[in-house]
Amino acid sequence: MNFPLLQIPDRSISPRTDGLTMVMDKGLGLNEVRNFISVAQPYIDLVKFGFGTAAVTAHLRDKIAIYREAGIPIYFGGTLFEAFLVRKQFDDYRNTLKDYGITHVEVSDGSITIPHAEKCGYIEKLAKDFTVLSEVGSKDATNIMPPYKWIELMKAELSAGSSYVIAEAREAGNVGIYRDSGEVRQGLVQEILTQIPAERIIWEAPQKAQQVYFLELLGVNVNLGNIAPSELIALEAMRIGLRGDTFHLYLK
């Protein structure tokens, strides 16, 4: 905070275990990464190289090094994990992560079907060497799971070794925990929260209205993901009541 404002909510301090903001990098250039970090470093907790972009990003090692020097963990999108897996290259993927010095890994099954026991097996194996974030939910908008299934899958993945479970929404925010209009499936979210600790869930919330919903529901230190780099500072201001959408949230 640059200014001595009163009635600002207590924001967790980096390095955080809750109140995480996961940013989706879909192809920033090296100088763009440096500029982004220069104004937003205290608020960047995780960076995901979206879907399979890491495979086609030039100067990938240099880009990873910039984030690493700033103390910001990066990981490759779950789609890349699935791309290796469907080609029966799981060991190659694990070796690739080690080769690039990656400490975090996303395990997902949004594009391919993996028996859940098998998915949990991959989580268990990877958790020995990496911090695992596992994604629950399908990228197929027609595949709507009932709340009990979300809870069952999340519990199993946390037990298998995931540090956090990610509630799927895609980068557009129109599947999984959202309707195709982007509206939050509120009953689903609230049902999940009866069984899964909020601090262990990262809610993908690329749209402003979705971010506002979770801030109103769970407070300043809710974990949010799939945030565009250009929206990060705006989100941080909104977290602490310095945007019109949340202006009155913390005022007494």
Protein backbone atom coordinates (compact mmCIF):
# COMPACT_ATOMS: atom_id res chain seq x y z
CA MET A 1 0.00 0.00 0.00
CA ASN A 2 1.36 3.37 -1.04
CA PHE A 3 -1.18 5.41 0.97
CA PRO A 4 -2.26 5.39 4.67
CA LEU A 5 -5.89 4.36 4.14
CA LEU A 6 -7.90 3.04 7.06
CA GLN A 7 -10.38 0.15 6.94
CA ILE A 8 -8.34 -1.85 4.45
CA PRO A 9 -8.70 -5.62 4.99
CA ASP A 10 -5.72 -7.67 6.12
CA ARG A 11 -4.12 -9.08 2.99
CA SER A 12 -1.86 -12.10 3.30
CA ILE A 13 1.80 -11.36 2.54
CA SER A 14 3.95 -13.04 -0.07
CA PRO A 15 5.00 -15.85 -0.01
CA ARG A 16 1.37 -16.79 0.59
CA THR A 17 -0.36 -20.06 1.28
CA ASP A 18 -3.80 -18.49 0.89
CA GLY A 19 -5.02 -15.46 -0.99
CA LEU A 20 -3.11 -16.75 -4.00
CA THR A 21 -3.35 -15.12 -7.39
CA MET A 22 -2.45 -17.38 -10.29
CA VAL A 23 -1.71 -15.51 -13.50
CA MET A 24 -2.09 -17.04 -16.94
CA ASP A 25 0.79 -16.16 -19.26
CA LYS A 26 -0.29 -17.05 -22.80
CA GLY A 27 2.81 -15.75 -24.53
CA LEU A 28 4.33 -12.64 -22.94
CA GLY A 29 7.68 -11.61 -24.38
CA LEU A 30 10.79 -11.33 -22.23
CA ASN A 31 10.54 -7.56 -21.87
CA GLU A 32 6.82 -7.80 -21.19
CA VAL A 33 7.55 -10.22 -18.34
CA ARG A 34 10.13 -7.83 -16.89
CA ASN A 35 7.70 -4.91 -17.11
CA PHE A 36 4.89 -6.96 -15.59
CA ILE A 37 7.05 -8.03 -12.66
CA SER A 38 8.29 -4.47 -12.11
CA VAL A 39 4.82 -3.25 -11.10
CA ALA A 40 3.10 -6.41 -9.87
CA GLN A 41 5.69 -8.68 -8.23
CA PRO A 42 4.19 -8.59 -4.68
CA TYR A 43 0.87 -9.89 -6.00
CA ILE A 44 2.03 -12.65 -8.38
CA ASP A 45 1.97 -15.96 -6.54
CA LEU A 46 1.96 -18.43 -9.43
CA VAL A 47 2.27 -18.13 -13.19
CA LYS A 48 0.85 -20.72 -15.52
CA PHE A 49 2.15 -20.92 -19.07
CA GLY A 50 -1.31 -21.51 -20.50
CA PHE A 51 -2.33 -24.81 -22.08
CA GLY A 52 0.54 -25.95 -24.36
CA THR A 53 2.19 -22.59 -24.99
CA ALA A 54 5.43 -23.61 -23.26
CA ALA A 55 6.13 -26.03 -26.13
CA VAL A 56 6.16 -23.25 -28.73
CA THR A 57 7.57 -20.31 -26.71
CA ALA A 58 10.91 -19.01 -27.96
CA HIS A 59 13.64 -18.40 -25.35
CA LEU A 60 11.69 -20.51 -22.85
CA ARG A 61 14.62 -21.00 -20.47
CA ASP A 62 15.33 -17.26 -20.44
CA LYS A 63 11.69 -16.54 -19.68
CA ILE A 64 11.57 -19.05 -16.85
CA ALA A 65 14.77 -17.56 -15.44
CA ILE A 66 13.21 -14.08 -15.26
CA TYR A 67 10.30 -15.37 -13.20
CA ARG A 68 12.63 -17.50 -11.05
CA GLU A 69 14.91 -14.55 -10.28
CA ALA A 70 11.82 -12.68 -9.03
CA GLY A 71 10.92 -15.63 -6.80
CA ILE A 72 7.77 -16.45 -8.76
CA PRO A 73 7.00 -20.15 -9.37
CA ILE A 74 5.84 -21.08 -12.85
CA TYR A 75 4.20 -24.21 -14.15
CA PHE A 76 3.07 -25.55 -17.49
CA GLY A 77 -0.63 -25.77 -18.31
CA GLY A 78 -2.39 -29.04 -17.67
CA THR A 79 -3.06 -29.45 -21.38
CA LEU A 80 0.66 -30.02 -21.88
CA PHE A 81 0.63 -32.73 -19.21
CA GLU A 82 -2.26 -34.37 -21.05
CA ALA A 83 -0.50 -34.04 -24.41
CA PHE A 84 2.49 -36.00 -23.06
CA LEU A 85 0.26 -38.51 -21.30
CA VAL A 86 -1.95 -39.34 -24.28
CA ARG A 87 1.26 -40.10 -26.21
CA LYS A 88 2.44 -42.40 -23.40
CA GLN A 89 5.30 -40.03 -22.50
CA PHE A 90 4.72 -39.49 -18.78
CA ASP A 91 8.38 -40.16 -17.90
CA ASP A 92 9.46 -37.75 -20.63
CA TYR A 93 7.22 -35.10 -19.12
CA ARG A 94 8.62 -35.58 -15.63
CA ASN A 95 12.17 -35.41 -17.02
CA THR A 96 11.27 -32.25 -18.96
CA LEU A 97 10.07 -30.56 -15.78
CA LYS A 98 13.33 -31.42 -14.03
CA ASP A 99 15.39 -30.28 -17.02
CA TYR A 100 13.73 -26.85 -16.95
CA GLY A 101 13.96 -26.54 -13.17
CA ILE A 102 10.18 -26.47 -12.72
CA THR A 103 8.97 -26.89 -9.12
CA HIS A 104 5.20 -26.89 -9.66
CA VAL A 105 3.10 -29.11 -11.90
CA GLU A 106 -0.54 -29.20 -12.94
CA VAL A 107 -2.28 -32.54 -13.32
CA SER A 108 -5.53 -32.35 -15.25
CA ASP A 109 -7.90 -34.44 -17.32
CA GLY A 110 -9.93 -31.72 -18.99
CA SER A 111 -9.17 -32.78 -22.57
CA ILE A 112 -8.71 -36.54 -22.25
CA THR A 113 -10.38 -39.21 -20.15
CA ILE A 114 -8.16 -40.66 -17.42
CA PRO A 115 -9.55 -43.17 -14.92
CA HIS A 116 -9.57 -41.27 -11.66
CA ALA A 117 -7.52 -43.82 -9.75
CA GLU A 118 -4.88 -43.51 -12.47
CA LYS A 119 -4.96 -39.70 -12.25
CA CYS A 120 -4.44 -39.93 -8.49
CA GLY A 121 -1.53 -42.25 -9.17
CA TYR A 122 0.14 -39.57 -11.32
CA ILE A 123 -0.48 -37.02 -8.56
CA GLU A 124 1.12 -39.31 -6.01
CA LYS A 125 4.17 -39.91 -8.21
CA LEU A 126 4.69 -36.24 -9.05
CA ALA A 127 4.13 -35.06 -5.47
CA LYS A 128 7.39 -36.77 -4.51
CA ASP A 129 9.35 -34.20 -6.55
CA PHE A 130 7.00 -31.28 -7.25
CA THR A 131 4.25 -29.14 -5.75
CA VAL A 132 1.15 -30.52 -7.43
CA LEU A 133 -1.92 -28.54 -8.40
CA SER A 134 -4.63 -30.79 -9.76
CA GLU A 135 -7.50 -29.53 -11.83
CA VAL A 136 -11.02 -30.84 -11.41
CA GLY A 137 -13.67 -30.37 -14.08
CA SER A 138 -13.96 -30.81 -17.82
CA LYS A 139 -13.33 -28.36 -20.65
CA ASP A 140 -16.42 -29.84 -22.33
CA ALA A 141 -19.36 -27.58 -21.50
CA THR A 142 -21.78 -30.49 -21.96
CA ASN A 143 -20.04 -32.56 -19.27
CA ILE A 144 -21.79 -31.28 -16.13
CA MET A 145 -20.83 -33.09 -12.92
CA PRO A 146 -23.09 -33.08 -9.87
CA PRO A 147 -21.69 -31.46 -6.71
CA TYR A 148 -21.10 -34.77 -4.92
CA LYS A 149 -18.78 -35.84 -7.75
CA TRP A 150 -16.73 -32.63 -7.56
CA ILE A 151 -16.33 -33.19 -3.82
CA GLU A 152 -15.40 -36.84 -4.25
CA LEU A 153 -12.74 -36.05 -6.87
CA MET A 154 -11.29 -33.11 -4.93
CA LYS A 155 -11.02 -35.12 -1.72
CA ALA A 156 -9.27 -37.97 -3.50
CA GLU A 157 -6.78 -35.68 -5.25
CA LEU A 158 -5.90 -33.82 -2.06
CA SER A 159 -5.39 -37.17 -0.35
CA ALA A 160 -3.16 -38.30 -3.22
CA GLY A 161 -0.81 -35.37 -2.67
CA SER A 162 -2.18 -32.27 -4.39
CA SER A 163 -1.35 -29.09 -2.51
CA TYR A 164 -4.31 -27.35 -4.14
CA VAL A 165 -7.22 -28.38 -6.32
CA ILE A 166 -8.13 -26.06 -9.16
CA ALA A 167 -11.78 -25.61 -10.08
CA GLU A 168 -11.89 -25.69 -13.88
CA ALA A 169 -13.23 -22.75 -15.86
CA ARG A 170 -10.94 -22.49 -18.92
CA GLU A 171 -9.35 -19.15 -19.78
CA ALA A 172 -12.76 -17.82 -20.87
CA GLY A 173 -14.61 -18.68 -17.65
CA ASN A 174 -17.54 -20.47 -19.29
CA VAL A 175 -17.32 -24.14 -18.24
CA GLY A 176 -16.91 -26.16 -15.06
CA ILE A 177 -18.00 -24.03 -12.10
CA TYR A 178 -19.65 -21.57 -14.51
CA ARG A 179 -22.52 -21.72 -16.94
CA ASP A 180 -21.74 -20.99 -20.60
CA SER A 181 -22.84 -17.39 -19.93
CA GLY A 182 -20.07 -17.02 -17.33
CA GLU A 183 -22.57 -17.04 -14.44
CA VAL A 184 -21.32 -18.82 -11.32
CA ARG A 185 -23.00 -22.12 -10.49
CA GLN A 186 -23.54 -20.87 -6.96
CA GLY A 187 -25.17 -24.00 -5.60
CA LEU A 188 -22.22 -26.08 -6.81
CA VAL A 189 -19.65 -23.73 -5.27
CA GLN A 190 -21.41 -23.61 -1.92
CA GLU A 191 -21.85 -27.38 -1.85
CA ILE A 192 -18.13 -27.89 -2.54
CA LEU A 193 -17.29 -25.57 0.36
CA THR A 194 -19.23 -27.74 2.80
CA GLN A 195 -16.62 -30.47 2.33
CA ILE A 196 -13.43 -28.95 0.89
CA PRO A 197 -11.43 -26.25 2.77
CA ALA A 198 -11.53 -22.97 0.87
CA GLU A 199 -7.80 -22.45 1.37
CA ARG A 200 -7.09 -25.64 -0.62
CA ILE A 201 -9.08 -24.52 -3.68
CA ILE A 202 -7.96 -22.21 -6.48
CA TRP A 203 -11.03 -20.89 -8.29
CA GLU A 204 -10.36 -20.10 -11.92
CA ALA A 205 -12.03 -16.71 -12.32
CA PRO A 206 -10.93 -14.80 -15.41
CA GLN A 207 -14.00 -12.53 -15.52
CA LYS A 208 -14.44 -9.55 -13.19
CA ALA A 209 -17.96 -10.55 -12.11
CA GLN A 210 -16.62 -13.98 -11.12
CA GLN A 211 -13.83 -12.43 -9.08
CA VAL A 212 -16.33 -10.17 -7.30
CA TYR A 213 -18.52 -13.17 -6.46
CA PHE A 214 -15.67 -15.04 -4.76
CA LEU A 215 -14.41 -11.94 -2.94
CA GLU A 216 -17.89 -11.33 -1.53
CA LEU A 217 -18.30 -15.00 -0.65
CA LEU A 218 -14.86 -15.81 0.80
CA GLY A 219 -13.13 -12.51 1.45
CA VAL A 220 -9.94 -10.75 0.51
CA ASN A 221 -7.74 -13.86 0.73
CA VAL A 222 -9.63 -16.17 -1.60
CA ASN A 223 -7.43 -18.08 -4.08
CA LEU A 224 -8.11 -16.97 -7.66
CA GLY A 225 -6.66 -18.23 -10.93
CA ASN A 226 -6.50 -17.68 -14.68
CA ILE A 227 -6.00 -13.95 -14.16
CA ALA A 228 -4.71 -12.05 -17.19
CA PRO A 229 -1.46 -10.15 -16.53
CA SER A 230 -3.13 -6.91 -17.60
CA GLU A 231 -5.85 -7.44 -14.96
CA LEU A 232 -3.67 -8.32 -11.96
CA ILE A 233 -3.27 -4.84 -10.46
CA ALA A 234 -6.98 -4.17 -10.99
CA LEU A 235 -7.78 -7.41 -9.17
CA GLU A 236 -5.50 -6.54 -6.25
CA ALA A 237 -7.19 -3.14 -5.91
CA MET A 238 -10.57 -4.87 -6.01
CA ARG A 239 -9.47 -7.38 -3.37
CA ILE A 240 -8.97 -4.60 -0.84
CA GLY A 241 -12.02 -2.47 -1.71
CA LEU A 242 -10.39 0.04 -4.03
CA ARG A 243 -12.61 -0.56 -7.04
CA GLY A 244 -16.27 0.33 -7.34
CA ASP A 245 -17.39 -3.31 -7.35
CA THR A 246 -16.07 -3.87 -3.80
CA PHE A 247 -15.81 -0.27 -2.56
CA HIS A 248 -18.30 -0.76 0.32
CA LEU A 249 -17.31 -4.33 1.18
CA TYR A 250 -15.02 -3.48 4.09
CA LEU A 251 -16.28 -0.07 5.20
CA LYS A 252 -17.82 0.03 8.67
